[in-house]
């Protein structure tokens, strides 16, 4: 059994601890808060090297458009109505380039008017075309957007129609907004919703 620790090592353990303490206290002395020239140079090179990547990641701006409520009953239940009309608007905007194949729309296009019927649970069951736009691709685009966008969780019972369903009037119109040097169009989409 060893009782004298000096037999384990020829060096003085207390001297080693004291030496380590001095090294740590020297490292913890405050340094200048100014970055070195090398640090600034490295940061500059990083951002310049990644500038093209950063530009590619930027999200494309959403095409122009708006959503509005068409009657007092819709305004009486704004959370319910705006949720449906805003969701349908975004879907129509996202579908427009593909569904309209980037073509120019006629200047005399008319609003599409649809009636949608939902169950008391908020599930879409029917869509009726009341008025067509005069351009079948726009009609189909708005019908498809309504099929995906018209639904509700916990719809307000006060918005039910007299037949026990939710009846919604959707008016939508899409215009040419701009085109680029490749003659690809962007569109302005406007959708209104009334609760019947």
C-alpha atoms as a PDB file:
ATOM      1  CA  UNK A   1       0.000   0.000   0.000  1.00  0.00           C
ATOM      2  CA  UNK A   2       1.305   3.447  -0.984  1.00  0.00           C
ATOM      3  CA  UNK A   3       0.767   6.274   1.459  1.00  0.00           C
ATOM      4  CA  UNK A   4       3.277   8.721   0.035  1.00  0.00           C
ATOM      5  CA  UNK A   5       1.924  10.156  -3.246  1.00  0.00           C
ATOM      6  CA  UNK A   6       5.374  11.394  -4.243  1.00  0.00           C
ATOM      7  CA  UNK A   7       6.236   7.772  -5.009  1.00  0.00           C
ATOM      8  CA  UNK A   8       3.765   7.752  -7.940  1.00  0.00           C
ATOM      9  CA  UNK A   9       5.398  10.544  -9.891  1.00  0.00           C
ATOM     10  CA  UNK A  10       8.569  12.527  -9.706  1.00  0.00           C
ATOM     11  CA  UNK A  11       6.728  15.782 -10.516  1.00  0.00           C
ATOM     12  CA  UNK A  12       5.018  17.875  -7.899  1.00  0.00           C
ATOM     13  CA  UNK A  13       1.200  17.600  -8.383  1.00  0.00           C
ATOM     14  CA  UNK A  14       0.560  20.864  -6.590  1.00  0.00           C
ATOM     15  CA  UNK A  15       2.956  22.651  -8.910  1.00  0.00           C
ATOM     16  CA  UNK A  16       1.120  21.207 -11.937  1.00  0.00           C
ATOM     17  CA  UNK A  17      -2.256  22.399 -10.614  1.00  0.00           C
ATOM     18  CA  UNK A  18      -0.833  25.838  -9.980  1.00  0.00           C
ATOM     19  CA  UNK A  19       0.562  25.925 -13.517  1.00  0.00           C
ATOM     20  CA  UNK A  20      -2.814  24.968 -15.024  1.00  0.00           C
ATOM     21  CA  UNK A  21      -4.560  27.630 -12.936  1.00  0.00           C
ATOM     22  CA  UNK A  22      -2.211  30.276 -14.293  1.00  0.00           C
ATOM     23  CA  UNK A  23      -2.816  29.153 -17.892  1.00  0.00           C
ATOM     24  CA  UNK A  24      -6.599  29.319 -17.432  1.00  0.00           C
ATOM     25  CA  UNK A  25      -6.500  32.767 -15.867  1.00  0.00           C
ATOM     26  CA  UNK A  26      -4.348  34.025 -18.764  1.00  0.00           C
ATOM     27  CA  UNK A  27      -6.886  32.699 -21.301  1.00  0.00           C
ATOM     28  CA  UNK A  28      -9.815  34.335 -19.529  1.00  0.00           C
ATOM     29  CA  UNK A  29      -8.381  37.861 -19.694  1.00  0.00           C
ATOM     30  CA  UNK A  30     -10.671  40.017 -21.800  1.00  0.00           C
ATOM     31  CA  UNK A  31      -9.731  40.301 -25.449  1.00  0.00           C
ATOM     32  CA  UNK A  32     -10.607  43.111 -27.822  1.00  0.00           C
ATOM     33  CA  UNK A  33     -14.255  43.020 -28.891  1.00  0.00           C
ATOM     34  CA  UNK A  34     -13.254  44.084 -32.407  1.00  0.00           C
ATOM     35  CA  UNK A  35     -13.078  41.230 -34.928  1.00  0.00           C
ATOM     36  CA  UNK A  36      -9.730  40.606 -36.494  1.00  0.00           C
ATOM     37  CA  UNK A  37      -9.088  41.492 -40.131  1.00  0.00           C
ATOM     38  CA  UNK A  38      -8.939  37.785 -40.893  1.00  0.00           C
ATOM     39  CA  UNK A  39     -12.428  37.230 -39.397  1.00  0.00           C
ATOM     40  CA  UNK A  40     -13.928  40.095 -41.420  1.00  0.00           C
ATOM     41  CA  UNK A  41     -12.268  38.784 -44.565  1.00  0.00           C
ATOM     42  CA  UNK A  42     -13.614  35.258 -43.972  1.00  0.00           C
ATOM     43  CA  UNK A  43     -17.155  36.524 -43.370  1.00  0.00           C
ATOM     44  CA  UNK A  44     -16.990  38.621 -46.543  1.00  0.00           C
ATOM     45  CA  UNK A  45     -15.803  35.669 -48.605  1.00  0.00           C
ATOM     46  CA  UNK A  46     -18.564  33.468 -47.160  1.00  0.00           C
ATOM     47  CA  UNK A  47     -21.364  35.854 -48.181  1.00  0.00           C
ATOM     48  CA  UNK A  48     -19.904  36.573 -51.602  1.00  0.00           C
ATOM     49  CA  UNK A  49     -19.461  32.850 -52.281  1.00  0.00           C
ATOM     50  CA  UNK A  50     -23.053  32.110 -51.190  1.00  0.00           C
ATOM     51  CA  UNK A  51     -24.738  35.129 -52.773  1.00  0.00           C
ATOM     52  CA  UNK A  52     -26.042  33.204 -55.786  1.00  0.00           C
ATOM     53  CA  UNK A  53     -27.445  30.468 -53.536  1.00  0.00           C
ATOM     54  CA  UNK A  54     -29.194  33.052 -51.355  1.00  0.00           C
ATOM     55  CA  UNK A  55     -30.845  34.624 -54.406  1.00  0.00           C
ATOM     56  CA  UNK A  56     -32.123  31.257 -55.632  1.00  0.00           C
ATOM     57  CA  UNK A  57     -33.769  30.458 -52.292  1.00  0.00           C
ATOM     58  CA  UNK A  58     -35.916  33.614 -52.238  1.00  0.00           C
ATOM     59  CA  UNK A  59     -39.601  32.801 -52.603  1.00  0.00           C
ATOM     60  CA  UNK A  60     -41.355  34.111 -55.676  1.00  0.00           C
ATOM     61  CA  UNK A  61     -43.839  36.861 -54.863  1.00  0.00           C
ATOM     62  CA  UNK A  62     -47.462  35.809 -54.776  1.00  0.00           C
ATOM     63  CA  UNK A  63     -49.457  36.977 -57.817  1.00  0.00           C
ATOM     64  CA  UNK A  64     -51.858  39.856 -57.186  1.00  0.00           C
ATOM     65  CA  UNK A  65     -55.381  39.204 -56.023  1.00  0.00           C
ATOM     66  CA  UNK A  66     -57.886  39.800 -53.291  1.00  0.00           C
ATOM     67  CA  UNK A  67     -60.610  38.101 -51.310  1.00  0.00           C
ATOM     68  CA  UNK A  68     -63.745  39.810 -50.036  1.00  0.00           C
ATOM     69  CA  UNK A  69     -67.054  39.043 -48.392  1.00  0.00           C
ATOM     70  CA  UNK A  70     -70.144  39.631 -50.497  1.00  0.00           C
ATOM     71  CA  UNK A  71     -72.982  39.992 -48.002  1.00  0.00           C
ATOM     72  CA  UNK A  72     -73.933  40.779 -44.423  1.00  0.00           C
ATOM     73  CA  UNK A  73     -74.352  37.139 -43.427  1.00  0.00           C
ATOM     74  CA  UNK A  74     -70.751  36.399 -44.480  1.00  0.00           C
ATOM     75  CA  UNK A  75     -69.584  39.472 -42.545  1.00  0.00           C
ATOM     76  CA  UNK A  76     -71.492  38.201 -39.498  1.00  0.00           C
ATOM     77  CA  UNK A  77     -69.210  35.111 -39.481  1.00  0.00           C
ATOM     78  CA  UNK A  78     -65.891  36.581 -40.669  1.00  0.00           C
ATOM     79  CA  UNK A  79     -63.583  33.860 -39.332  1.00  0.00           C
ATOM     80  CA  UNK A  80     -65.598  31.168 -41.090  1.00  0.00           C
ATOM     81  CA  UNK A  81     -66.043  33.112 -44.336  1.00  0.00           C
ATOM     82  CA  UNK A  82     -62.539  34.608 -44.624  1.00  0.00           C
ATOM     83  CA  UNK A  83     -60.938  31.259 -43.866  1.00  0.00           C
ATOM     84  CA  UNK A  84     -62.738  29.677 -46.833  1.00  0.00           C
ATOM     85  CA  UNK A  85     -62.350  32.559 -49.295  1.00  0.00           C
ATOM     86  CA  UNK A  86     -58.655  33.180 -48.516  1.00  0.00           C
ATOM     87  CA  UNK A  87     -57.825  29.481 -48.822  1.00  0.00           C
ATOM     88  CA  UNK A  88     -59.686  29.294 -52.146  1.00  0.00           C
ATOM     89  CA  UNK A  89     -57.928  32.432 -53.429  1.00  0.00           C
ATOM     90  CA  UNK A  90     -54.443  31.040 -52.685  1.00  0.00           C
ATOM     91  CA  UNK A  91     -55.332  27.760 -54.395  1.00  0.00           C
ATOM     92  CA  UNK A  92     -56.623  29.595 -57.487  1.00  0.00           C
ATOM     93  CA  UNK A  93     -53.477  31.751 -57.626  1.00  0.00           C
ATOM     94  CA  UNK A  94     -51.242  28.682 -57.361  1.00  0.00           C
ATOM     95  CA  UNK A  95     -53.199  26.769 -60.022  1.00  0.00           C
ATOM     96  CA  UNK A  96     -53.461  29.617 -62.556  1.00  0.00           C
ATOM     97  CA  UNK A  97     -50.070  29.286 -64.342  1.00  0.00           C
ATOM     98  CA  UNK A  98     -50.542  25.573 -65.004  1.00  0.00           C
ATOM     99  CA  UNK A  99     -54.295  25.530 -65.682  1.00  0.00           C
ATOM    100  CA  UNK A 100     -54.223  28.587 -67.949  1.00  0.00           C
ATOM    101  CA  UNK A 101     -51.002  27.412 -69.618  1.00  0.00           C
ATOM    102  CA  UNK A 102     -49.528  30.917 -69.392  1.00  0.00           C
ATOM    103  CA  UNK A 103     -51.860  32.128 -72.187  1.00  0.00           C
ATOM    104  CA  UNK A 104     -53.411  35.534 -72.568  1.00  0.00           C
ATOM    105  CA  UNK A 105     -57.002  35.648 -71.322  1.00  0.00           C
ATOM    106  CA  UNK A 106     -59.737  37.402 -73.317  1.00  0.00           C
ATOM    107  CA  UNK A 107     -60.290  41.054 -72.397  1.00  0.00           C
ATOM    108  CA  UNK A 108     -64.063  40.584 -72.114  1.00  0.00           C
ATOM    109  CA  UNK A 109     -63.920  37.800 -69.516  1.00  0.00           C
ATOM    110  CA  UNK A 110     -66.847  37.744 -67.064  1.00  0.00           C
ATOM    111  CA  UNK A 111     -67.021  36.667 -63.423  1.00  0.00           C
ATOM    112  CA  UNK A 112     -67.667  33.007 -62.665  1.00  0.00           C
ATOM    113  CA  UNK A 113     -70.531  32.596 -60.186  1.00  0.00           C
ATOM    114  CA  UNK A 114     -70.806  29.323 -58.282  1.00  0.00           C
ATOM    115  CA  UNK A 115     -73.033  28.004 -55.518  1.00  0.00           C
ATOM    116  CA  UNK A 116     -71.373  25.551 -53.135  1.00  0.00           C
ATOM    117  CA  UNK A 117     -73.176  23.351 -50.619  1.00  0.00           C
ATOM    118  CA  UNK A 118     -71.548  22.009 -47.443  1.00  0.00           C
ATOM    119  CA  UNK A 119     -72.849  19.570 -44.863  1.00  0.00           C
ATOM    120  CA  UNK A 120     -73.444  20.726 -41.259  1.00  0.00           C
ATOM    121  CA  UNK A 121     -70.030  19.196 -40.494  1.00  0.00           C
ATOM    122  CA  UNK A 122     -68.342  21.489 -43.046  1.00  0.00           C
ATOM    123  CA  UNK A 123     -67.755  19.027 -45.906  1.00  0.00           C
ATOM    124  CA  UNK A 124     -68.336  20.173 -49.506  1.00  0.00           C
ATOM    125  CA  UNK A 125     -70.983  18.107 -51.295  1.00  0.00           C
ATOM    126  CA  UNK A 126     -72.027  20.072 -54.409  1.00  0.00           C
ATOM    127  CA  UNK A 127     -70.947  22.925 -56.662  1.00  0.00           C
ATOM    128  CA  UNK A 128     -73.351  24.499 -59.145  1.00  0.00           C
ATOM    129  CA  UNK A 129     -72.349  26.873 -61.936  1.00  0.00           C
ATOM    130  CA  UNK A 130     -74.664  29.893 -61.978  1.00  0.00           C
ATOM    131  CA  UNK A 131     -72.728  31.993 -64.551  1.00  0.00           C
ATOM    132  CA  UNK A 132     -69.735  31.134 -66.728  1.00  0.00           C
ATOM    133  CA  UNK A 133     -66.796  33.405 -67.499  1.00  0.00           C
ATOM    134  CA  UNK A 134     -66.796  32.771 -71.234  1.00  0.00           C
ATOM    135  CA  UNK A 135     -63.436  30.972 -70.995  1.00  0.00           C
ATOM    136  CA  UNK A 136     -63.725  27.328 -69.957  1.00  0.00           C
ATOM    137  CA  UNK A 137     -60.207  27.062 -68.484  1.00  0.00           C
ATOM    138  CA  UNK A 138     -61.013  29.861 -65.993  1.00  0.00           C
ATOM    139  CA  UNK A 139     -64.324  28.188 -65.085  1.00  0.00           C
ATOM    140  CA  UNK A 140     -62.572  24.875 -64.438  1.00  0.00           C
ATOM    141  CA  UNK A 141     -59.742  26.530 -62.478  1.00  0.00           C
ATOM    142  CA  UNK A 142     -62.178  28.199 -60.077  1.00  0.00           C
ATOM    143  CA  UNK A 143     -64.217  25.014 -59.694  1.00  0.00           C
ATOM    144  CA  UNK A 144     -61.042  23.053 -58.871  1.00  0.00           C
ATOM    145  CA  UNK A 145     -59.921  25.718 -56.372  1.00  0.00           C
ATOM    146  CA  UNK A 146     -63.348  25.565 -54.700  1.00  0.00           C
ATOM    147  CA  UNK A 147     -63.242  21.765 -54.522  1.00  0.00           C
ATOM    148  CA  UNK A 148     -60.017  21.964 -52.519  1.00  0.00           C
ATOM    149  CA  UNK A 149     -60.637  25.205 -50.637  1.00  0.00           C
ATOM    150  CA  UNK A 150     -64.236  24.973 -49.455  1.00  0.00           C
ATOM    151  CA  UNK A 151     -64.369  23.096 -46.175  1.00  0.00           C
ATOM    152  CA  UNK A 152     -64.615  24.081 -42.541  1.00  0.00           C
ATOM    153  CA  UNK A 153     -63.888  22.698 -39.098  1.00  0.00           C
ATOM    154  CA  UNK A 154     -66.586  23.539 -36.553  1.00  0.00           C
ATOM    155  CA  UNK A 155     -68.600  25.823 -38.846  1.00  0.00           C
ATOM    156  CA  UNK A 156     -70.958  28.222 -37.016  1.00  0.00           C
ATOM    157  CA  UNK A 157     -74.482  26.856 -36.647  1.00  0.00           C
ATOM    158  CA  UNK A 158     -75.914  30.340 -37.208  1.00  0.00           C
ATOM    159  CA  UNK A 159     -74.604  30.349 -40.788  1.00  0.00           C
ATOM    160  CA  UNK A 160     -76.721  27.330 -41.775  1.00  0.00           C
ATOM    161  CA  UNK A 161     -79.346  27.936 -44.442  1.00  0.00           C
ATOM    162  CA  UNK A 162     -83.017  27.039 -43.960  1.00  0.00           C
ATOM    163  CA  UNK A 163     -82.473  23.561 -45.468  1.00  0.00           C
ATOM    164  CA  UNK A 164     -79.866  22.647 -42.815  1.00  0.00           C
ATOM    165  CA  UNK A 165     -76.803  22.958 -45.093  1.00  0.00           C
ATOM    166  CA  UNK A 166     -74.258  25.698 -45.650  1.00  0.00           C
ATOM    167  CA  UNK A 167     -74.868  27.422 -48.976  1.00  0.00           C
ATOM    168  CA  UNK A 168     -72.094  29.650 -50.270  1.00  0.00           C
ATOM    169  CA  UNK A 169     -72.016  31.968 -53.275  1.00  0.00           C
ATOM    170  CA  UNK A 170     -68.576  32.281 -54.848  1.00  0.00           C
ATOM    171  CA  UNK A 171     -67.803  34.957 -57.427  1.00  0.00           C
ATOM    172  CA  UNK A 172     -64.409  34.759 -59.079  1.00  0.00           C
ATOM    173  CA  UNK A 173     -62.691  36.570 -61.899  1.00  0.00           C
ATOM    174  CA  UNK A 174     -59.172  36.315 -63.296  1.00  0.00           C
ATOM    175  CA  UNK A 175     -57.480  38.984 -65.417  1.00  0.00           C
ATOM    176  CA  UNK A 176     -54.197  39.193 -67.279  1.00  0.00           C
ATOM    177  CA  UNK A 177     -51.786  41.039 -65.019  1.00  0.00           C
ATOM    178  CA  UNK A 178     -48.418  41.064 -66.775  1.00  0.00           C
ATOM    179  CA  UNK A 179     -46.186  39.049 -69.050  1.00  0.00           C
ATOM    180  CA  UNK A 180     -42.436  38.683 -69.299  1.00  0.00           C
ATOM    181  CA  UNK A 181     -39.982  38.664 -72.206  1.00  0.00           C
ATOM    182  CA  UNK A 182     -40.896  35.022 -72.862  1.00  0.00           C
ATOM    183  CA  UNK A 183     -44.606  35.986 -73.174  1.00  0.00           C
ATOM    184  CA  UNK A 184     -45.500  34.083 -70.005  1.00  0.00           C
ATOM    185  CA  UNK A 185     -48.444  35.663 -68.232  1.00  0.00           C
ATOM    186  CA  UNK A 186     -49.175  36.242 -64.591  1.00  0.00           C
ATOM    187  CA  UNK A 187     -52.776  36.738 -63.526  1.00  0.00           C
ATOM    188  CA  UNK A 188     -54.719  38.838 -61.058  1.00  0.00           C
ATOM    189  CA  UNK A 189     -57.288  36.755 -59.169  1.00  0.00           C
ATOM    190  CA  UNK A 190     -60.301  38.133 -57.282  1.00  0.00           C
ATOM    191  CA  UNK A 191     -62.692  35.967 -55.290  1.00  0.00           C
ATOM    192  CA  UNK A 192     -65.718  36.943 -53.243  1.00  0.00           C
ATOM    193  CA  UNK A 193     -67.814  34.793 -50.917  1.00  0.00           C
ATOM    194  CA  UNK A 194     -71.336  35.221 -49.680  1.00  0.00           C
ATOM    195  CA  UNK A 195     -73.179  33.034 -47.188  1.00  0.00           C
ATOM    196  CA  UNK A 196     -76.749  32.338 -48.341  1.00  0.00           C
END
